[in-house]
C-alpha atoms as a PDB file:
ATOM      1  CA  MET A   1     -75.313 231.408  24.367  1.00  0.00           C
ATOM      2  CA  LYS A   2     -78.747 229.761  24.528  1.00  0.00           C
ATOM      3  CA  ILE A   3     -81.686 232.108  25.064  1.00  0.00           C
ATOM      4  CA  ALA A   4     -85.376 231.262  25.386  1.00  0.00           C
ATOM      5  CA  ILE A   5     -87.966 233.970  24.791  1.00  0.00           C
ATOM      6  CA  VAL A   6     -91.515 233.655  26.085  1.00  0.00           C
ATOM      7  CA  ARG A   7     -94.041 235.780  24.205  1.00  0.00           C
ATOM      8  CA  LEU A   8     -97.205 233.754  23.818  1.00  0.00           C
ATOM      9  CA  SER A   9     -99.704 236.233  22.409  1.00  0.00           C
ATOM     10  CA  SER A  10    -101.373 238.322  21.090  1.00  0.00           C
ATOM     11  CA  LEU A  11    -100.747 238.975  17.397  1.00  0.00           C
ATOM     12  CA  GLY A  12     -99.857 242.660  17.708  1.00  0.00           C
ATOM     13  CA  ASP A  13     -97.819 242.150  20.864  1.00  0.00           C
ATOM     14  CA  ILE A  14     -95.751 239.379  19.295  1.00  0.00           C
ATOM     15  CA  ILE A  15     -95.148 241.562  16.235  1.00  0.00           C
ATOM     16  CA  HIS A  16     -93.685 244.388  18.308  1.00  0.00           C
ATOM     17  CA  SER A  17     -91.602 242.067  20.474  1.00  0.00           C
ATOM     18  CA  LEU A  18     -89.814 240.558  17.457  1.00  0.00           C
ATOM     19  CA  ILE A  19     -87.549 243.596  17.336  1.00  0.00           C
ATOM     20  CA  VAL A  20     -85.542 242.146  20.241  1.00  0.00           C
ATOM     21  CA  LEU A  21     -84.148 239.521  17.865  1.00  0.00           C
ATOM     22  CA  GLU A  22     -82.122 242.085  15.926  1.00  0.00           C
ATOM     23  CA  ILE A  23     -80.706 243.540  19.119  1.00  0.00           C
ATOM     24  CA  ILE A  24     -79.726 240.147  20.527  1.00  0.00           C
ATOM     25  CA  LYS A  25     -78.095 238.995  17.293  1.00  0.00           C
ATOM     26  CA  ALA A  26     -76.247 242.298  16.898  1.00  0.00           C
ATOM     27  CA  HIS A  27     -74.572 241.763  20.277  1.00  0.00           C
ATOM     28  CA  GLN A  28     -74.463 237.953  20.315  1.00  0.00           C
ATOM     29  CA  PRO A  29     -74.308 236.829  16.660  1.00  0.00           C
ATOM     30  CA  HIS A  30     -74.007 233.147  17.574  1.00  0.00           C
ATOM     31  CA  ALA A  31     -76.798 233.124  20.152  1.00  0.00           C
ATOM     32  CA  HIS A  32     -79.218 230.202  19.778  1.00  0.00           C
ATOM     33  CA  ILE A  33     -82.748 231.549  20.241  1.00  0.00           C
ATOM     34  CA  THR A  34     -85.808 229.477  21.105  1.00  0.00           C
ATOM     35  CA  TRP A  35     -89.171 231.266  20.999  1.00  0.00           C
ATOM     36  CA  ILE A  36     -92.168 229.910  22.933  1.00  0.00           C
ATOM     37  CA  VAL A  37     -95.526 230.964  21.514  1.00  0.00           C
ATOM     38  CA  ASP A  38     -99.211 230.070  21.540  1.00  0.00           C
ATOM     39  CA  GLU A  39     -99.880 227.649  18.689  1.00  0.00           C
ATOM     40  CA  ARG A  40    -102.352 230.113  17.115  1.00  0.00           C
ATOM     41  CA  PHE A  41     -99.424 232.342  16.174  1.00  0.00           C
ATOM     42  CA  TYR A  42     -96.914 229.693  15.147  1.00  0.00           C
ATOM     43  CA  ASP A  43     -97.106 230.634  11.465  1.00  0.00           C
ATOM     44  CA  LEU A  44     -96.363 234.259  12.323  1.00  0.00           C
ATOM     45  CA  ILE A  45     -92.789 233.484  13.357  1.00  0.00           C
ATOM     46  CA  ARG A  46     -91.991 230.033  11.978  1.00  0.00           C
ATOM     47  CA  TYR A  47     -89.986 231.432   9.032  1.00  0.00           C
ATOM     48  CA  HIS A  48     -88.056 234.096  10.955  1.00  0.00           C
ATOM     49  CA  PRO A  49     -84.362 233.631  10.115  1.00  0.00           C
ATOM     50  CA  LEU A  50     -83.164 234.812  13.533  1.00  0.00           C
ATOM     51  CA  ILE A  51     -85.189 232.231  15.471  1.00  0.00           C
ATOM     52  CA  ASP A  52     -83.501 228.850  15.719  1.00  0.00           C
ATOM     53  CA  LYS A  53     -86.426 226.958  17.242  1.00  0.00           C
ATOM     54  CA  VAL A  54     -90.131 227.765  17.662  1.00  0.00           C
ATOM     55  CA  VAL A  55     -92.014 225.896  20.378  1.00  0.00           C
ATOM     56  CA  SER A  56     -95.795 226.214  20.112  1.00  0.00           C
ATOM     57  CA  LEU A  57     -98.098 225.459  23.031  1.00  0.00           C
ATOM     58  CA  SER A  58    -101.822 224.740  22.869  1.00  0.00           C
ATOM     59  CA  LEU A  59    -102.895 227.024  25.691  1.00  0.00           C
ATOM     60  CA  LYS A  60    -106.623 226.899  24.953  1.00  0.00           C
ATOM     61  CA  GLY A  61    -106.430 223.155  24.506  1.00  0.00           C
ATOM     62  CA  ALA A  62    -104.772 222.809  27.898  1.00  0.00           C
ATOM     63  CA  LEU A  63    -107.732 224.528  29.536  1.00  0.00           C
ATOM     64  CA  ARG A  64    -110.149 222.072  27.931  1.00  0.00           C
ATOM     65  CA  HIS A  65    -107.968 218.998  28.427  1.00  0.00           C
ATOM     66  CA  PRO A  66    -105.872 219.142  31.646  1.00  0.00           C
ATOM     67  CA  SER A  67    -103.740 216.220  30.428  1.00  0.00           C
ATOM     68  CA  MET A  68    -102.271 218.614  27.861  1.00  0.00           C
ATOM     69  CA  ILE A  69    -100.797 220.663  30.710  1.00  0.00           C
ATOM     70  CA  ILE A  70     -98.589 217.688  31.593  1.00  0.00           C
ATOM     71  CA  THR A  71     -97.673 217.206  27.928  1.00  0.00           C
ATOM     72  CA  SER A  72     -96.686 220.866  27.589  1.00  0.00           C
ATOM     73  CA  TRP A  73     -94.691 220.713  30.828  1.00  0.00           C
ATOM     74  CA  GLN A  74     -92.779 217.699  29.552  1.00  0.00           C
ATOM     75  CA  ARG A  75     -92.049 219.388  26.205  1.00  0.00           C
ATOM     76  CA  LEU A  76     -90.628 222.428  27.947  1.00  0.00           C
ATOM     77  CA  ARG A  77     -88.515 220.389  30.357  1.00  0.00           C
ATOM     78  CA  HIS A  78     -87.046 218.393  27.463  1.00  0.00           C
ATOM     79  CA  LEU A  79     -85.779 221.522  25.710  1.00  0.00           C
ATOM     80  CA  GLY A  80     -82.632 221.325  27.787  1.00  0.00           C
ATOM     81  CA  ALA A  81     -80.730 224.026  29.614  1.00  0.00           C
ATOM     82  CA  PHE A  82     -80.629 227.713  28.653  1.00  0.00           C
ATOM     83  CA  ASP A  83     -78.343 230.499  29.750  1.00  0.00           C
ATOM     84  CA  LEU A  84     -81.302 232.843  30.156  1.00  0.00           C
ATOM     85  CA  VAL A  85     -85.075 232.897  29.721  1.00  0.00           C
ATOM     86  CA  ILE A  86     -86.675 236.265  28.899  1.00  0.00           C
ATOM     87  CA  ASP A  87     -90.373 236.683  29.611  1.00  0.00           C
ATOM     88  CA  LEU A  88     -91.528 239.492  27.323  1.00  0.00           C
ATOM     89  CA  GLN A  89     -95.192 239.008  28.191  1.00  0.00           C
ATOM     90  CA  GLY A  90     -95.143 239.815  31.895  1.00  0.00           C
ATOM     91  CA  LEU A  91     -98.231 237.815  32.830  1.00  0.00           C
ATOM     92  CA  LEU A  92     -98.566 235.161  35.484  1.00  0.00           C
ATOM     93  CA  LYS A  93     -99.134 232.427  32.878  1.00  0.00           C
ATOM     94  CA  SER A  94     -96.039 233.413  30.890  1.00  0.00           C
ATOM     95  CA  SER A  95     -93.885 233.640  34.010  1.00  0.00           C
ATOM     96  CA  LEU A  96     -95.005 230.156  35.059  1.00  0.00           C
ATOM     97  CA  ILE A  97     -94.039 228.802  31.642  1.00  0.00           C
ATOM     98  CA  ALA A  98     -90.673 230.581  31.816  1.00  0.00           C
ATOM     99  CA  ARG A  99     -90.068 229.134  35.268  1.00  0.00           C
ATOM    100  CA  ILE A 100     -90.436 225.561  33.973  1.00  0.00           C
ATOM    101  CA  LEU A 101     -87.335 225.922  31.814  1.00  0.00           C
ATOM    102  CA  HIS A 102     -83.834 225.101  33.040  1.00  0.00           C
ATOM    103  CA  ALA A 103     -82.469 228.653  33.381  1.00  0.00           C
ATOM    104  CA  PRO A 104     -82.576 231.917  35.297  1.00  0.00           C
ATOM    105  CA  VAL A 105     -85.533 234.044  34.226  1.00  0.00           C
ATOM    106  CA  GLY A 106     -85.573 237.764  33.538  1.00  0.00           C
ATOM    107  CA  GLY A 107     -88.499 240.109  32.969  1.00  0.00           C
ATOM    108  CA  PHE A 108     -90.112 243.403  33.828  1.00  0.00           C
ATOM    109  CA  GLY A 109     -90.388 244.398  37.480  1.00  0.00           C
ATOM    110  CA  ALA A 110     -93.634 244.655  39.415  1.00  0.00           C
ATOM    111  CA  LEU A 111     -94.003 248.365  38.631  1.00  0.00           C
ATOM    112  CA  SER A 112     -93.567 247.801  34.914  1.00  0.00           C
ATOM    113  CA  THR A 113     -95.830 244.865  34.173  1.00  0.00           C
ATOM    114  CA  ARG A 114     -99.600 244.446  33.986  1.00  0.00           C
ATOM    115  CA  GLU A 115     -99.609 241.554  36.449  1.00  0.00           C
ATOM    116  CA  PRO A 116     -97.116 242.366  39.237  1.00  0.00           C
ATOM    117  CA  LEU A 117     -97.269 238.830  40.655  1.00  0.00           C
ATOM    118  CA  ALA A 118     -95.414 237.620  37.578  1.00  0.00           C
ATOM    119  CA  ALA A 119     -92.291 239.473  38.725  1.00  0.00           C
ATOM    120  CA  LEU A 120     -92.109 237.311  41.840  1.00  0.00           C
ATOM    121  CA  LEU A 121     -91.133 234.353  39.654  1.00  0.00           C
ATOM    122  CA  TYR A 122     -88.185 236.104  37.976  1.00  0.00           C
ATOM    123  CA  ASP A 123     -84.578 235.863  39.080  1.00  0.00           C
ATOM    124  CA  ARG A 124     -83.852 239.302  37.634  1.00  0.00           C
ATOM    125  CA  THR A 125     -86.281 242.163  37.148  1.00  0.00           C
ATOM    126  CA  ILE A 126     -85.889 245.402  35.231  1.00  0.00           C
ATOM    127  CA  GLU A 127     -88.153 248.405  35.677  1.00  0.00           C
ATOM    128  CA  SER A 128     -89.073 250.503  32.649  1.00  0.00           C
ATOM    129  CA  PRO A 129     -91.517 253.450  32.485  1.00  0.00           C
ATOM    130  CA  ARG A 130     -94.905 252.501  31.101  1.00  0.00           C
ATOM    131  CA  ASN A 131     -95.360 255.945  29.546  1.00  0.00           C
ATOM    132  CA  GLN A 132     -93.051 255.120  26.640  1.00  0.00           C
ATOM    133  CA  SER A 133     -93.379 252.859  23.620  1.00  0.00           C
ATOM    134  CA  ILE A 134     -93.342 249.131  24.348  1.00  0.00           C
ATOM    135  CA  VAL A 135     -90.473 248.857  21.862  1.00  0.00           C
ATOM    136  CA  PHE A 136     -88.305 251.134  24.001  1.00  0.00           C
ATOM    137  CA  ARG A 137     -89.401 249.217  27.086  1.00  0.00           C
ATOM    138  CA  TYR A 138     -88.113 246.019  25.478  1.00  0.00           C
ATOM    139  CA  PHE A 139     -84.846 247.848  24.835  1.00  0.00           C
ATOM    140  CA  ASP A 140     -84.654 248.819  28.526  1.00  0.00           C
ATOM    141  CA  LEU A 141     -85.170 245.177  29.451  1.00  0.00           C
ATOM    142  CA  LEU A 142     -82.333 243.987  27.200  1.00  0.00           C
ATOM    143  CA  ARG A 143     -79.986 246.710  28.472  1.00  0.00           C
ATOM    144  CA  GLY A 144     -80.742 245.760  32.061  1.00  0.00           C
ATOM    145  CA  LEU A 145     -80.398 242.012  31.560  1.00  0.00           C
ATOM    146  CA  PHE A 146     -77.268 242.041  29.388  1.00  0.00           C
ATOM    147  CA  GLY A 147     -75.599 245.368  30.138  1.00  0.00           C
ATOM    148  CA  TRP A 148     -75.578 246.307  26.438  1.00  0.00           C
ATOM    149  CA  ASN A 149     -75.280 249.913  25.345  1.00  0.00           C
ATOM    150  CA  PHE A 150     -77.286 250.877  22.269  1.00  0.00           C
ATOM    151  CA  ASP A 151     -79.450 253.784  21.143  1.00  0.00           C
ATOM    152  CA  ASN A 152     -83.224 253.713  20.759  1.00  0.00           C
ATOM    153  CA  ASN A 153     -82.791 255.002  17.215  1.00  0.00           C
ATOM    154  CA  VAL A 154     -81.983 251.466  16.064  1.00  0.00           C
ATOM    155  CA  ALA A 155     -85.755 250.932  16.078  1.00  0.00           C
ATOM    156  CA  PHE A 156     -86.116 253.323  13.154  1.00  0.00           C
ATOM    157  CA  ASN A 157     -83.667 251.423  10.962  1.00  0.00           C
ATOM    158  CA  LYS A 158     -84.903 247.907  11.554  1.00  0.00           C
ATOM    159  CA  GLN A 159     -85.031 245.094   9.044  1.00  0.00           C
ATOM    160  CA  PRO A 160     -88.473 243.598   8.292  1.00  0.00           C
ATOM    161  CA  LEU A 161     -89.613 241.659  11.340  1.00  0.00           C
ATOM    162  CA  LEU A 162     -91.993 239.268   9.582  1.00  0.00           C
ATOM    163  CA  HIS A 163     -91.164 236.617   7.011  1.00  0.00           C
ATOM    164  CA  HIS A 164     -93.463 234.480   4.880  1.00  0.00           C
ATOM    165  CA  ASN A 165     -92.764 231.029   3.513  1.00  0.00           C
ATOM    166  CA  PRO A 166     -89.986 231.549   0.935  1.00  0.00           C
ATOM    167  CA  THR A 167     -91.310 228.620  -1.122  1.00  0.00           C
ATOM    168  CA  GLY A 168     -94.977 229.573  -0.747  1.00  0.00           C
ATOM    169  CA  ASN A 169     -97.282 230.142  -3.695  1.00  0.00           C
ATOM    170  CA  TYR A 170     -98.794 233.619  -3.542  1.00  0.00           C
ATOM    171  CA  HIS A 171     -99.851 233.923  -7.176  1.00  0.00           C
ATOM    172  CA  ALA A 172    -103.521 233.933  -6.181  1.00  0.00           C
ATOM    173  CA  LEU A 173    -102.930 237.227  -4.364  1.00  0.00           C
ATOM    174  CA  SER A 174    -100.887 238.866  -7.101  1.00  0.00           C
ATOM    175  CA  SER A 175    -104.031 239.961  -8.976  1.00  0.00           C
ATOM    176  CA  TYR A 176    -104.824 242.337  -6.121  1.00  0.00           C
ATOM    177  CA  ILE A 177    -101.615 244.283  -6.696  1.00  0.00           C
ATOM    178  CA  ALA A 178    -101.089 243.704 -10.436  1.00  0.00           C
ATOM    179  CA  GLN A 179    -102.333 247.079 -11.719  1.00  0.00           C
ATOM    180  CA  GLU A 180    -101.386 249.219  -8.744  1.00  0.00           C
ATOM    181  CA  PRO A 181    -100.763 248.325  -5.107  1.00  0.00           C
ATOM    182  CA  PRO A 182    -103.964 249.089  -3.188  1.00  0.00           C
ATOM    183  CA  ILE A 183    -104.642 250.846   0.082  1.00  0.00           C
ATOM    184  CA  LEU A 184    -105.520 248.147   2.608  1.00  0.00           C
ATOM    185  CA  LEU A 185    -108.372 248.870   5.022  1.00  0.00           C
ATOM    186  CA  ILE A 186    -108.680 246.819   8.216  1.00  0.00           C
ATOM    187  CA  PRO A 187    -112.036 247.798   9.766  1.00  0.00           C
ATOM    188  CA  GLY A 188    -112.385 244.884  12.215  1.00  0.00           C
ATOM    189  CA  SER A 189    -110.725 243.843  15.459  1.00  0.00           C
ATOM    190  CA  ASN A 190    -111.369 241.548  18.407  1.00  0.00           C
ATOM    191  CA  TRP A 191    -113.640 244.047  20.162  1.00  0.00           C
ATOM    192  CA  GLU A 192    -115.929 246.804  18.977  1.00  0.00           C
ATOM    193  CA  ALA A 193    -114.401 249.701  20.937  1.00  0.00           C
ATOM    194  CA  LYS A 194    -111.281 249.455  18.727  1.00  0.00           C
ATOM    195  CA  ASN A 195    -113.257 249.745  15.484  1.00  0.00           C
ATOM    196  CA  TRP A 196    -113.651 252.949  13.494  1.00  0.00           C
ATOM    197  CA  PRO A 197    -117.190 253.031  12.024  1.00  0.00           C
ATOM    198  CA  ALA A 198    -117.760 251.351   8.657  1.00  0.00           C
ATOM    199  CA  GLU A 199    -119.401 254.490   7.306  1.00  0.00           C
ATOM    200  CA  ASN A 200    -116.199 256.414   8.062  1.00  0.00           C
ATOM    201  CA  TYR A 201    -114.154 253.986   5.987  1.00  0.00           C
ATOM    202  CA  ALA A 202    -116.708 254.368   3.192  1.00  0.00           C
ATOM    203  CA  LYS A 203    -116.430 258.166   3.357  1.00  0.00           C
ATOM    204  CA  LEU A 204    -112.643 257.875   3.342  1.00  0.00           C
ATOM    205  CA  THR A 205    -112.677 256.047   0.005  1.00  0.00           C
ATOM    206  CA  HIS A 206    -114.559 259.028  -1.468  1.00  0.00           C
ATOM    207  CA  GLU A 207    -112.347 261.702   0.108  1.00  0.00           C
ATOM    208  CA  LEU A 208    -109.193 259.817  -0.887  1.00  0.00           C
ATOM    209  CA  PRO A 209    -109.852 258.203  -4.290  1.00  0.00           C
ATOM    210  CA  GLY A 210    -107.804 255.161  -5.180  1.00  0.00           C
ATOM    211  CA  ARG A 211    -107.792 251.367  -5.306  1.00  0.00           C
ATOM    212  CA  TYR A 212    -108.830 249.764  -2.031  1.00  0.00           C
ATOM    213  CA  LEU A 213    -108.691 246.275  -0.573  1.00  0.00           C
ATOM    214  CA  ILE A 214    -110.588 245.383   2.605  1.00  0.00           C
ATOM    215  CA  LEU A 215    -109.358 242.749   5.038  1.00  0.00           C
ATOM    216  CA  TRP A 216    -111.631 240.593   7.201  1.00  0.00           C
ATOM    217  CA  GLY A 217    -111.164 237.717   9.614  1.00  0.00           C
ATOM    218  CA  ASN A 218    -114.626 236.396  10.478  1.00  0.00           C
ATOM    219  CA  GLU A 219    -118.159 236.560   9.119  1.00  0.00           C
ATOM    220  CA  ARG A 220    -119.071 239.663  11.117  1.00  0.00           C
ATOM    221  CA  GLU A 221    -116.039 241.480   9.726  1.00  0.00           C
ATOM    222  CA  ARG A 222    -116.836 240.227   6.243  1.00  0.00           C
ATOM    223  CA  ALA A 223    -120.295 241.806   6.504  1.00  0.00           C
ATOM    224  CA  VAL A 224    -118.650 245.100   7.457  1.00  0.00           C
ATOM    225  CA  ALA A 225    -116.286 244.785   4.498  1.00  0.00           C
ATOM    226  CA  GLU A 226    -119.202 244.203   2.153  1.00  0.00           C
ATOM    227  CA  ALA A 227    -121.016 247.245   3.525  1.00  0.00           C
ATOM    228  CA  ILE A 228    -117.966 249.408   2.776  1.00  0.00           C
ATOM    229  CA  ALA A 229    -117.281 247.872  -0.636  1.00  0.00           C
ATOM    230  CA  CYS A 230    -120.796 248.488  -1.966  1.00  0.00           C
ATOM    231  CA  THR A 231    -120.475 252.245  -1.458  1.00  0.00           C
ATOM    232  CA  GLY A 232    -118.001 252.932  -4.258  1.00  0.00           C
ATOM    233  CA  VAL A 233    -115.941 251.679  -7.169  1.00  0.00           C
ATOM    234  CA  GLY A 234    -112.405 250.339  -7.043  1.00  0.00           C
ATOM    235  CA  ILE A 235    -113.017 248.626  -3.707  1.00  0.00           C
ATOM    236  CA  LYS A 236    -112.366 244.898  -3.418  1.00  0.00           C
ATOM    237  CA  ILE A 237    -112.711 242.471  -0.536  1.00  0.00           C
ATOM    238  CA  ALA A 238    -109.699 240.300   0.185  1.00  0.00           C
ATOM    239  CA  PRO A 239    -110.101 236.524   0.421  1.00  0.00           C
ATOM    240  CA  LYS A 240    -109.749 234.778   3.775  1.00  0.00           C
ATOM    241  CA  LEU A 241    -106.009 234.738   4.388  1.00  0.00           C
ATOM    242  CA  ARG A 242    -103.567 232.619   6.338  1.00  0.00           C
ATOM    243  CA  LEU A 243    -100.934 234.438   8.387  1.00  0.00           C
ATOM    244  CA  ASP A 244     -98.175 233.845   5.820  1.00  0.00           C
ATOM    245  CA  GLU A 245    -100.443 235.149   3.028  1.00  0.00           C
ATOM    246  CA  LEU A 246    -101.238 238.206   5.105  1.00  0.00           C
ATOM    247  CA  ILE A 247     -97.539 238.897   5.630  1.00  0.00           C
ATOM    248  CA  TRP A 248     -96.947 238.658   1.879  1.00  0.00           C
ATOM    249  CA  LEU A 249     -99.886 240.917   1.012  1.00  0.00           C
ATOM    250  CA  ILE A 250     -99.116 243.681   3.515  1.00  0.00           C
ATOM    251  CA  GLY A 251     -95.555 243.734   2.238  1.00  0.00           C
ATOM    252  CA  HIS A 252     -96.934 244.772  -1.169  1.00  0.00           C
ATOM    253  CA  VAL A 253     -99.680 247.332  -0.415  1.00  0.00           C
ATOM    254  CA  ARG A 254     -99.246 251.118  -0.628  1.00  0.00           C
ATOM    255  CA  LEU A 255    -100.739 251.963   2.747  1.00  0.00           C
ATOM    256  CA  VAL A 256    -102.520 250.216   5.635  1.00  0.00           C
ATOM    257  CA  ILE A 257    -105.302 251.933   7.590  1.00  0.00           C
ATOM    258  CA  GLY A 258    -107.021 250.326  10.574  1.00  0.00           C
ATOM    259  CA  GLY A 259    -107.498 250.222  14.306  1.00  0.00           C
ATOM    260  CA  ASP A 260    -105.342 248.726  17.044  1.00  0.00           C
ATOM    261  CA  THR A 261    -105.239 245.164  15.762  1.00  0.00           C
ATOM    262  CA  GLY A 262    -102.491 242.745  14.779  1.00  0.00           C
ATOM    263  CA  PRO A 263    -102.804 242.939  10.984  1.00  0.00           C
ATOM    264  CA  THR A 264    -102.577 246.737  11.080  1.00  0.00           C
ATOM    265  CA  HIS A 265     -99.346 246.505  13.097  1.00  0.00           C
ATOM    266  CA  MET A 266     -97.862 244.174  10.499  1.00  0.00           C
ATOM    267  CA  ALA A 267     -97.261 247.232   8.326  1.00  0.00           C
ATOM    268  CA  TRP A 268     -94.957 248.672  10.990  1.00  0.00           C
ATOM    269  CA  ALA A 269     -93.127 245.359  11.201  1.00  0.00           C
ATOM    270  CA  LEU A 270     -92.712 245.222   7.416  1.00  0.00           C
ATOM    271  CA  ASN A 271     -91.662 248.887   7.073  1.00  0.00           C
ATOM    272  CA  ARG A 272     -94.781 249.735   5.055  1.00  0.00           C
ATOM    273  CA  PRO A 273     -96.728 253.009   5.518  1.00  0.00           C
ATOM    274  CA  SER A 274     -99.626 252.788   7.952  1.00  0.00           C
ATOM    275  CA  ILE A 275    -102.160 254.751   9.956  1.00  0.00           C
ATOM    276  CA  VAL A 276    -103.357 253.234  13.223  1.00  0.00           C
ATOM    277  CA  LEU A 277    -106.510 254.688  14.799  1.00  0.00           C
ATOM    278  CA  TRP A 278    -106.534 254.649  18.604  1.00  0.00           C
ATOM    279  CA  GLY A 279    -109.419 255.174  20.995  1.00  0.00           C
ATOM    280  CA  ALA A 280    -109.850 252.773  23.902  1.00  0.00           C
ATOM    281  CA  THR A 281    -106.255 251.521  23.925  1.00  0.00           C
ATOM    282  CA  SER A 282    -102.899 253.217  24.372  1.00  0.00           C
ATOM    283  CA  MET A 283    -100.621 254.076  21.474  1.00  0.00           C
ATOM    284  CA  MET A 284     -97.713 253.145  23.774  1.00  0.00           C
ATOM    285  CA  ALA A 285     -98.370 249.616  22.482  1.00  0.00           C
ATOM    286  CA  THR A 286     -96.645 250.574  19.242  1.00  0.00           C
ATOM    287  CA  LEU A 287     -93.945 252.907  17.931  1.00  0.00           C
ATOM    288  CA  GLN A 288     -94.579 255.785  15.578  1.00  0.00           C
ATOM    289  CA  THR A 289     -92.146 256.331  12.721  1.00  0.00           C
ATOM    290  CA  PRO A 290     -92.122 258.801   9.818  1.00  0.00           C
ATOM    291  CA  ILE A 291     -94.266 256.336   7.830  1.00  0.00           C
ATOM    292  CA  ASN A 292     -96.229 254.691  10.657  1.00  0.00           C
ATOM    293  CA  ILE A 293     -98.588 257.266  12.129  1.00  0.00           C
ATOM    294  CA  ALA A 294    -100.925 257.055  15.116  1.00  0.00           C
ATOM    295  CA  ILE A 295    -104.126 259.111  15.155  1.00  0.00           C
ATOM    296  CA  THR A 296    -105.708 259.167  18.593  1.00  0.00           C
ATOM    297  CA  SER A 297    -109.018 260.219  20.079  1.00  0.00           C
ATOM    298  CA  GLU A 298    -108.960 262.700  22.948  1.00  0.00           C
ATOM    299  CA  SER A 299    -109.919 260.196  25.646  1.00  0.00           C
ATOM    300  CA  GLU A 300    -107.572 259.390  28.530  1.00  0.00           C
ATOM    301  CA  ILE A 301    -106.404 255.790  28.757  1.00  0.00           C
ATOM    302  CA  ASP A 302    -105.712 253.691  31.855  1.00  0.00           C
ATOM    303  CA  GLU A 303    -103.388 250.949  30.563  1.00  0.00           C
ATOM    304  CA  LYS A 304    -104.120 248.652  33.485  1.00  0.00           C
ATOM    305  CA  ARG A 305    -107.898 248.983  33.221  1.00  0.00           C
ATOM    306  CA  ILE A 306    -108.903 249.173  29.582  1.00  0.00           C
ATOM    307  CA  ASN A 307    -112.484 250.370  29.175  1.00  0.00           C
ATOM    308  CA  LYS A 308    -114.123 248.273  26.480  1.00  0.00           C
ATOM    309  CA  ASN A 309    -117.048 250.692  26.465  1.00  0.00           C
ATOM    310  CA  ASN A 310    -114.822 253.575  25.408  1.00  0.00           C
ATOM    311  CA  PHE A 311    -115.962 254.236  21.838  1.00  0.00           C
ATOM    312  CA  SER A 312    -114.013 257.470  21.451  1.00  0.00           C
ATOM    313  CA  ILE A 313    -112.362 256.142  18.287  1.00  0.00           C
ATOM    314  CA  ARG A 314    -115.611 257.055  16.536  1.00  0.00           C
ATOM    315  CA  SER A 315    -114.818 260.738  17.056  1.00  0.00           C
ATOM    316  CA  ILE A 316    -111.711 260.685  14.847  1.00  0.00           C
ATOM    317  CA  PRO A 317    -112.637 262.788  11.792  1.00  0.00           C
ATOM    318  CA  VAL A 318    -112.548 261.260   8.321  1.00  0.00           C
ATOM    319  CA  ALA A 319    -110.894 264.424   7.008  1.00  0.00           C
ATOM    320  CA  THR A 320    -107.981 263.989   9.426  1.00  0.00           C
ATOM    321  CA  VAL A 321    -107.360 260.410   8.321  1.00  0.00           C
ATOM    322  CA  ALA A 322    -107.616 261.383   4.641  1.00  0.00           C
ATOM    323  CA  GLN A 323    -105.120 264.217   5.092  1.00  0.00           C
ATOM    324  CA  VAL A 324    -102.552 262.045   6.867  1.00  0.00           C
ATOM    325  CA  ALA A 325    -103.044 259.284   4.307  1.00  0.00           C
ATOM    326  CA  GLN A 326    -102.480 261.670   1.397  1.00  0.00           C
ATOM    327  CA  THR A 327     -99.280 262.934   3.032  1.00  0.00           C
ATOM    328  CA  LEU A 328     -97.965 259.371   3.365  1.00  0.00           C
ATOM    329  CA  LEU A 329     -98.887 258.541  -0.236  1.00  0.00           C
ATOM    330  CA  ASP A 330     -97.189 261.694  -1.491  1.00  0.00           C
ATOM    331  CA  LYS A 331     -94.095 260.832   0.554  1.00  0.00           C
ATOM    332  CA  GLU A 332     -94.012 257.355  -0.950  1.00  0.00           C
ATOM    333  CA  GLN A 333     -94.127 258.738  -4.509  1.00  0.00           C
ATOM    334  CA  SER A 334     -91.471 261.394  -3.950  1.00  0.00           C
END
């Protein structure tokens, strides 16, 4: 059976969608899986053992250079025939890409996706309640498309979903975990309403003593990291990391604490303890486990109209985060 999966972006969304691979391979061990992704996230999945072929598309490049649209169309058409294409993204752009392929297309129905027009391009649609974890919604989609019978509890016994280069050299990072694996702080994200204040992270390092490492992705986030690091001892700033280096590092830290951003969700994918702080976005975008905890503000969230001026994440108390973190650290040591 040949299956194509379309999940183009973003980092956190791709991470959560990778769980479908285990389910498909459990029911169809010999299935050949092609994954179509935005080229920015190619390194996130290129070493996944359950993906037979990764096809990366330059979506931003296509907007700047229309000729690249034709090139991408030709690449997709030359992939050959599939038995089924699954659009996990549920956007108009992803449904158009899925439609180019030689196969029937399945995806979420109009009531279950953020852009209902996308469902018009599917041959089969499956509705799934939006008030449950996206992971369980993916499970509903697979059950509906294939008729498989499996329990949601499989999500709590998953294998690691991310894989780094098995021949990569990560010795430069080993010094950060040589003495004792640190607690990784991820204070930045792609928009400010998802960021817990830097001063709160600084206070956390005092309320919860230990070795800390701070992650950053751009110069603005690096400045935030430096502001946190200068407030105490035992706090280091990570170097600029590639995706495969980030996968390796998060697989070795004691605990990850951050907002709703892709690197924070990597801990869930790698079965490492984590705390995700939620304010403007919905925790339905992830799945809580005994070691992956969501702490939310008290604001109400409209999933279809995210308010980027909702800074309620700032109201999450430092003491609450410190208490949950200590519980996870104690659980890890027991």
